[in-house]
Amino acid sequence: MTETVRPAVLLTGPVMEDVVERQLASRFTLVPIERLADVNPSTVQAIATRGKVRVDAALMESLPNLQIVSNFGVGYDTVDAAAAGQRGVVVTNTPDVLNEEVADLTLGLLLATVRQIPQADQFVRSGAWLKGAYPLGPTLRDRTVGILGMGRIGKAIARRLEAFSVPVVYHTRRPQPDVAYRHYPSLVEMARDVDVLVVIVPGGPATRHLVNADVLAALGPNGILVNVARGTVVDEDALLAALEARTILAAGLDVFEEEPNVPPAFFGLDNVVLLPHVGSATHYTRAAMGQLVVDNILSWFDGKGPLTPVVETPWPRP
């Protein structure tokens, strides 16, 4: 009697062990990428990835029976989705379940940056308050926020800003038919007209260094940049130069170009708030993201198709 070989799921790194790996282990053989050379590559039919290792054309080519790549996170710039589509491999991500969490963090980061909350905390801890009051600082009251990107998370951010009575405008390649905020066809023109620029677009070649020296110059000396998208969207050298020269007022950053390697030049600046890419980093939301990774794989192998395919690999296939 021939033994049935269970399909294998390649793990490119730890993917919510208590949620993802525990559920998949009952049905699939789990293969950490460090042990890929020890298994027959033809048994690998799925990849669960968290973005630590690039899932590129070469990796997919080495797995002849690969059917689906389930990505942990909305951003999937470490997956070559175009190459996957050419091979008939479906790529999924985890949209919606983290919208509110990231929007919450964005408002927190914006407030921390504009009201200098970390600096005020340090002022108390250092004993400086005993020598005098903390100096008056900038406000959110007289600002207009421009959002670069108006997808699900961008809209959730905008709703929160409305509750703060803050005017909102946005830039995308095309106007959104269901959005009443003013649309700017030009990012530079929007940056010139706003006081805060919030970045929430996907990473990848199409958006690399979209926020460059020209955009930062247009934002101006009273301008604040908040990046909760991908570090590659902002030209980090241009941003450092603008912060050091005070040609923009401040920045709040949750992401960096080469995480976790943050340029040390940021550390000495008092006009930047730095976070370690924690936009969705709560137990509640990460569990929901992990569950969607599992559900996409299970739905696929149950013959029901993917739940959240990305645009490069639509389902049903055209």
Protein backbone atom coordinates (compact mmCIF):
# COMPACT_ATOMS: atom_id res chain seq x y z
CA MET A 1 0.00 0.00 0.00
CA THR A 2 1.44 3.36 -1.08
CA GLU A 3 1.77 5.92 1.68
CA THR A 4 0.18 9.28 0.89
CA VAL A 5 2.70 12.12 1.10
CA ARG A 6 1.27 15.14 2.83
CA PRO A 7 1.72 18.43 0.96
CA ALA A 8 4.34 20.67 2.50
CA VAL A 9 4.11 24.33 3.46
CA LEU A 10 7.38 26.25 3.33
CA LEU A 11 7.81 28.75 6.18
CA THR A 12 10.15 31.61 5.27
CA GLY A 13 10.43 32.52 8.95
CA PRO A 14 8.40 32.32 12.17
CA VAL A 15 4.75 33.00 11.27
CA MET A 16 2.63 33.29 14.43
CA GLU A 17 3.50 29.84 15.77
CA ASP A 18 0.52 29.71 18.14
CA VAL A 19 -1.94 30.59 15.34
CA VAL A 20 -0.53 29.68 11.94
CA GLU A 21 1.89 26.83 12.51
CA ARG A 22 -0.28 25.02 15.06
CA GLN A 23 -3.26 24.89 12.71
CA LEU A 24 -1.34 24.00 9.57
CA ALA A 25 0.69 21.26 11.25
CA SER A 26 -2.35 18.98 11.51
CA ARG A 27 -2.75 18.83 7.74
CA PHE A 28 0.58 19.76 6.17
CA THR A 29 4.26 19.07 6.64
CA LEU A 30 5.84 22.34 7.77
CA VAL A 31 9.27 23.05 6.32
CA PRO A 32 11.35 25.92 7.73
CA ILE A 33 13.29 27.50 4.89
CA GLU A 34 16.58 26.54 6.57
CA ARG A 35 15.62 22.89 6.01
CA LEU A 36 14.38 23.21 2.44
CA ALA A 37 17.44 21.35 1.13
CA ASP A 38 16.45 18.35 3.27
CA VAL A 39 13.08 17.76 1.59
CA ASN A 40 11.87 16.88 -1.87
CA PRO A 41 11.02 20.31 -3.37
CA SER A 42 8.13 18.78 -5.34
CA THR A 43 6.24 18.22 -2.07
CA VAL A 44 6.13 21.97 -1.32
CA GLN A 45 2.76 23.23 -2.53
CA ALA A 46 2.37 26.38 -0.41
CA ILE A 47 4.47 29.11 1.18
CA ALA A 48 3.55 31.01 4.33
CA THR A 49 5.70 34.13 4.49
CA ARG A 50 6.13 37.07 6.80
CA GLY A 51 8.39 39.08 4.56
CA LYS A 52 11.73 38.28 6.20
CA VAL A 53 12.88 36.31 3.14
CA ARG A 54 12.14 37.39 -0.41
CA VAL A 55 9.88 34.99 -2.31
CA ASP A 56 11.32 35.63 -5.74
CA ALA A 57 11.13 33.95 -9.12
CA ALA A 58 14.15 31.76 -8.37
CA LEU A 59 12.61 30.34 -5.20
CA MET A 60 9.31 29.67 -6.95
CA GLU A 61 11.12 28.08 -9.89
CA SER A 62 12.77 25.64 -7.48
CA LEU A 63 9.35 24.47 -6.23
CA PRO A 64 7.67 22.84 -9.27
CA ASN A 65 4.34 22.14 -7.53
CA LEU A 66 3.94 25.44 -5.72
CA GLN A 67 0.32 26.62 -5.85
CA ILE A 68 -0.11 29.44 -3.33
CA VAL A 69 1.93 32.02 -1.40
CA SER A 70 0.09 33.26 1.68
CA ASN A 71 1.61 36.52 2.89
CA PHE A 72 1.33 37.72 6.50
CA GLY A 73 0.56 41.43 6.13
CA VAL A 74 -1.11 43.77 3.67
CA GLY A 75 2.18 44.77 2.08
CA TYR A 76 3.66 41.99 -0.05
CA ASP A 77 6.60 43.79 -1.67
CA THR A 78 8.91 40.91 -0.68
CA VAL A 79 6.86 38.56 -2.88
CA ASP A 80 7.38 38.74 -6.64
CA ALA A 81 3.65 38.60 -7.34
CA ALA A 82 4.12 39.23 -11.07
CA ALA A 83 6.41 36.21 -11.36
CA ALA A 84 3.92 34.18 -9.32
CA GLY A 85 1.13 35.12 -11.71
CA GLN A 86 3.22 34.04 -14.68
CA ARG A 87 3.68 30.64 -13.06
CA GLY A 88 0.00 30.28 -12.15
CA VAL A 89 0.76 30.67 -8.44
CA VAL A 90 -1.79 32.58 -6.36
CA VAL A 91 -0.56 35.19 -3.87
CA THR A 92 -2.71 36.30 -0.94
CA ASN A 93 -2.29 38.94 1.75
CA THR A 94 -4.13 39.98 4.91
CA PRO A 95 -6.14 43.15 4.22
CA ASP A 96 -8.92 44.69 6.34
CA VAL A 97 -8.13 42.88 9.60
CA LEU A 98 -5.42 45.44 10.45
CA ASN A 99 -6.98 48.63 9.06
CA GLU A 100 -8.19 50.04 12.37
CA GLU A 101 -5.06 49.07 14.29
CA VAL A 102 -2.73 50.79 11.84
CA ALA A 103 -5.01 53.83 11.69
CA ASP A 104 -4.96 54.04 15.50
CA LEU A 105 -1.17 53.89 15.54
CA THR A 106 -0.95 56.53 12.82
CA LEU A 107 -2.95 59.01 14.86
CA GLY A 108 -0.90 58.18 17.92
CA LEU A 109 2.34 58.73 16.01
CA LEU A 110 1.05 61.96 14.53
CA LEU A 111 0.06 63.30 17.96
CA ALA A 112 3.35 62.16 19.48
CA THR A 113 5.24 63.99 16.75
CA VAL A 114 3.30 67.24 16.59
CA ARG A 115 2.86 67.58 20.37
CA GLN A 116 6.39 66.31 21.11
CA ILE A 117 5.13 63.69 23.57
CA PRO A 118 8.35 61.60 23.76
CA GLN A 119 10.40 64.77 24.23
CA ALA A 120 8.09 65.98 27.00
CA ASP A 121 8.32 62.58 28.69
CA GLN A 122 12.11 62.80 28.63
CA PHE A 123 11.90 66.36 29.97
CA VAL A 124 10.15 65.07 33.09
CA ARG A 125 12.39 62.01 33.51
CA SER A 126 15.56 64.07 33.26
CA GLY A 127 14.50 66.46 36.02
CA ALA A 128 14.49 69.43 33.64
CA TRP A 129 10.97 70.40 34.76
CA LEU A 130 12.41 71.38 38.14
CA LYS A 131 14.33 74.14 36.34
CA GLY A 132 11.42 75.53 34.33
CA ALA A 133 8.39 74.77 32.19
CA TYR A 134 8.54 72.78 28.99
CA PRO A 135 8.63 75.20 26.04
CA LEU A 136 5.52 75.81 23.98
CA GLY A 137 5.34 73.65 20.89
CA PRO A 138 3.42 73.12 17.64
CA THR A 139 -0.24 72.15 17.38
CA LEU A 140 -2.56 70.03 15.28
CA ARG A 141 -5.21 72.74 15.40
CA ASP A 142 -4.05 74.84 12.47
CA ARG A 143 -3.03 72.03 10.14
CA THR A 144 -4.31 70.33 7.01
CA VAL A 145 -3.30 66.69 6.55
CA GLY A 146 -2.48 65.31 3.13
CA ILE A 147 -2.70 61.54 2.83
CA LEU A 148 -0.51 59.83 0.25
CA GLY A 149 -2.66 56.81 -0.56
CA MET A 150 -6.39 56.44 0.03
CA GLY A 151 -6.94 52.71 0.32
CA ARG A 152 -8.63 50.94 3.22
CA ILE A 153 -6.16 52.16 5.82
CA GLY A 154 -5.97 55.66 4.35
CA LYS A 155 -9.73 55.98 4.66
CA ALA A 156 -9.63 54.75 8.26
CA ILE A 157 -6.98 57.39 9.05
CA ALA A 158 -9.07 60.07 7.37
CA ARG A 159 -12.13 59.16 9.45
CA ARG A 160 -10.13 59.62 12.64
CA LEU A 161 -8.79 62.96 11.45
CA GLU A 162 -12.34 64.13 10.76
CA ALA A 163 -13.18 63.35 14.39
CA PHE A 164 -10.25 65.60 15.37
CA SER A 165 -11.74 68.39 13.18
CA VAL A 166 -8.66 68.31 10.94
CA PRO A 167 -9.11 68.99 7.20
CA VAL A 168 -8.03 66.12 4.93
CA VAL A 169 -6.89 66.02 1.30
CA TYR A 170 -5.22 63.19 -0.59
CA HIS A 171 -3.04 62.15 -3.51
CA THR A 172 -3.48 58.97 -5.52
CA ARG A 173 -2.91 58.23 -9.19
CA ARG A 174 -6.63 58.60 -9.84
CA PRO A 175 -9.44 60.19 -7.79
CA GLN A 176 -11.44 57.79 -5.63
CA PRO A 177 -15.11 57.87 -6.70
CA ASP A 178 -16.38 57.27 -3.15
CA VAL A 179 -14.15 59.85 -1.43
CA ALA A 180 -15.31 63.43 -0.83
CA TYR A 181 -11.92 64.84 0.19
CA ARG A 182 -10.07 67.02 -2.32
CA HIS A 183 -7.87 65.01 -4.67
CA TYR A 184 -4.48 66.29 -5.83
CA PRO A 185 -3.12 64.84 -9.08
CA SER A 186 0.35 66.11 -8.07
CA LEU A 187 2.07 64.99 -4.87
CA VAL A 188 4.34 68.05 -4.87
CA GLU A 189 1.37 70.38 -5.16
CA MET A 190 -0.39 68.63 -2.29
CA ALA A 191 2.75 68.79 -0.15
CA ARG A 192 2.94 72.52 -0.82
CA ASP A 193 -0.64 73.04 0.39
CA VAL A 194 -0.62 70.88 3.53
CA ASP A 195 1.12 70.95 6.91
CA VAL A 196 1.23 67.18 7.51
CA LEU A 197 1.98 64.45 4.98
CA VAL A 198 0.88 60.94 6.00
CA VAL A 199 2.33 58.14 3.86
CA ILE A 200 0.22 54.97 3.52
CA VAL A 201 0.92 53.44 0.10
CA PRO A 202 2.31 50.00 -0.77
CA GLY A 203 6.05 49.51 -1.10
CA GLY A 204 7.82 48.23 -4.19
CA PRO A 205 9.49 49.69 -7.28
CA ALA A 206 6.48 51.81 -8.28
CA THR A 207 6.58 53.84 -5.06
CA ARG A 208 10.30 53.81 -4.26
CA HIS A 209 11.42 57.27 -3.08
CA LEU A 210 8.08 58.77 -4.08
CA VAL A 211 8.62 61.18 -1.20
CA ASN A 212 11.85 62.76 -2.34
CA ALA A 213 13.73 66.01 -1.76
CA ASP A 214 11.30 67.96 -3.95
CA VAL A 215 8.29 66.74 -1.96
CA LEU A 216 9.99 67.52 1.35
CA ALA A 217 10.97 70.99 0.14
CA ALA A 218 7.34 71.59 -0.85
CA LEU A 219 6.19 70.45 2.60
CA GLY A 220 8.26 73.27 4.05
CA PRO A 221 9.67 74.35 7.40
CA ASN A 222 6.34 73.92 9.24
CA GLY A 223 5.68 70.52 7.68
CA ILE A 224 5.49 67.16 9.42
CA LEU A 225 5.99 63.79 7.72
CA VAL A 226 4.43 60.61 9.13
CA ASN A 227 5.38 57.34 7.43
CA VAL A 228 3.44 54.19 8.33
CA ALA A 229 3.76 52.58 4.89
CA ARG A 230 7.14 51.21 3.83
CA GLY A 231 10.52 52.78 4.42
CA THR A 232 11.37 52.60 0.74
CA VAL A 233 8.61 55.09 -0.14
CA VAL A 234 10.66 57.90 1.45
CA ASP A 235 14.15 58.89 0.34
CA GLU A 236 15.80 58.43 3.74
CA ASP A 237 18.89 60.50 2.90
CA ALA A 238 16.73 63.40 1.74
CA LEU A 239 14.60 63.12 4.87
CA LEU A 240 17.64 63.16 7.17
CA ALA A 241 18.99 66.22 5.38
CA ALA A 242 15.64 68.00 5.73
CA LEU A 243 15.36 67.17 9.44
CA GLU A 244 18.95 68.22 10.17
CA ALA A 245 18.58 71.49 8.25
CA ARG A 246 15.10 72.09 9.75
CA THR A 247 13.66 72.57 6.26
CA ILE A 248 10.80 70.45 7.61
CA LEU A 249 9.62 70.68 11.20
CA ALA A 250 9.52 67.03 12.26
CA ALA A 251 8.86 63.42 11.26
CA GLY A 252 7.19 60.40 12.82
CA LEU A 253 8.52 57.12 11.40
CA ASP A 254 7.28 53.58 11.95
CA VAL A 255 9.23 52.17 8.99
CA PHE A 256 12.71 52.43 7.52
CA GLU A 257 14.46 51.51 4.28
CA GLU A 258 16.58 48.66 5.68
CA GLU A 259 14.85 47.45 8.82
CA PRO A 260 15.93 46.90 11.52
CA ASN A 261 19.00 48.91 10.53
CA VAL A 262 17.99 52.48 11.32
CA PRO A 263 20.54 55.13 10.27
CA PRO A 264 22.25 56.29 13.49
CA ALA A 265 21.94 59.90 12.31
CA PHE A 266 18.26 59.75 13.31
CA PHE A 267 19.13 59.00 16.93
CA GLY A 268 20.65 62.39 17.64
CA LEU A 269 17.71 64.38 16.29
CA ASP A 270 15.13 65.90 18.61
CA ASN A 271 12.58 66.46 15.85
CA VAL A 272 11.83 62.83 14.95
CA VAL A 273 9.83 60.09 16.67
CA LEU A 274 11.03 56.56 15.88
CA LEU A 275 8.99 53.36 16.19
CA PRO A 276 10.08 49.75 15.36
CA HIS A 277 7.45 48.96 12.68
CA VAL A 278 4.61 48.33 15.12
CA GLY A 279 1.62 49.57 13.12
CA SER A 280 -0.29 46.31 13.53
CA ALA A 281 1.67 44.94 16.47
CA THR A 282 -0.99 43.92 18.97
CA HIS A 283 -1.93 40.39 20.03
CA TYR A 284 -5.48 40.93 18.77
CA THR A 285 -4.63 42.11 15.27
CA ARG A 286 -1.62 39.88 14.65
CA ALA A 287 -3.76 36.86 15.59
CA ALA A 288 -6.39 37.96 13.07
CA MET A 289 -3.71 38.36 10.41
CA GLY A 290 -2.29 34.93 11.18
CA GLN A 291 -5.74 33.38 10.97
CA LEU A 292 -6.23 34.86 7.52
CA VAL A 293 -2.91 33.35 6.41
CA VAL A 294 -4.23 29.96 7.55
CA ASP A 295 -7.70 30.45 6.10
CA ASN A 296 -6.30 31.33 2.67
CA ILE A 297 -4.23 28.15 2.56
CA LEU A 298 -7.04 25.94 3.86
CA SER A 299 -9.59 27.45 1.49
CA TRP A 300 -7.24 26.87 -1.43
CA PHE A 301 -6.60 23.22 -0.63
CA ASP A 302 -10.30 22.68 0.05
CA GLY A 303 -10.92 23.68 -3.56
CA LYS A 304 -12.71 26.92 -2.68
CA GLY A 305 -10.10 29.30 -4.04
CA PRO A 306 -8.20 32.04 -2.19
CA LEU A 307 -10.01 34.42 0.14
CA THR A 308 -7.88 37.53 -0.41
CA PRO A 309 -5.87 37.26 -3.64
CA VAL A 310 -3.69 40.22 -4.61
CA VAL A 311 -4.30 42.16 -7.81
CA GLU A 312 -1.45 40.49 -9.69
CA THR A 313 -3.02 37.04 -9.19
CA PRO A 314 -6.80 37.60 -9.40
CA TRP A 315 -9.28 34.87 -8.67
CA PRO A 316 -11.12 33.46 -10.48
CA ARG A 317 -8.41 33.65 -13.07
CA PRO A 318 -9.36 35.75 -16.12
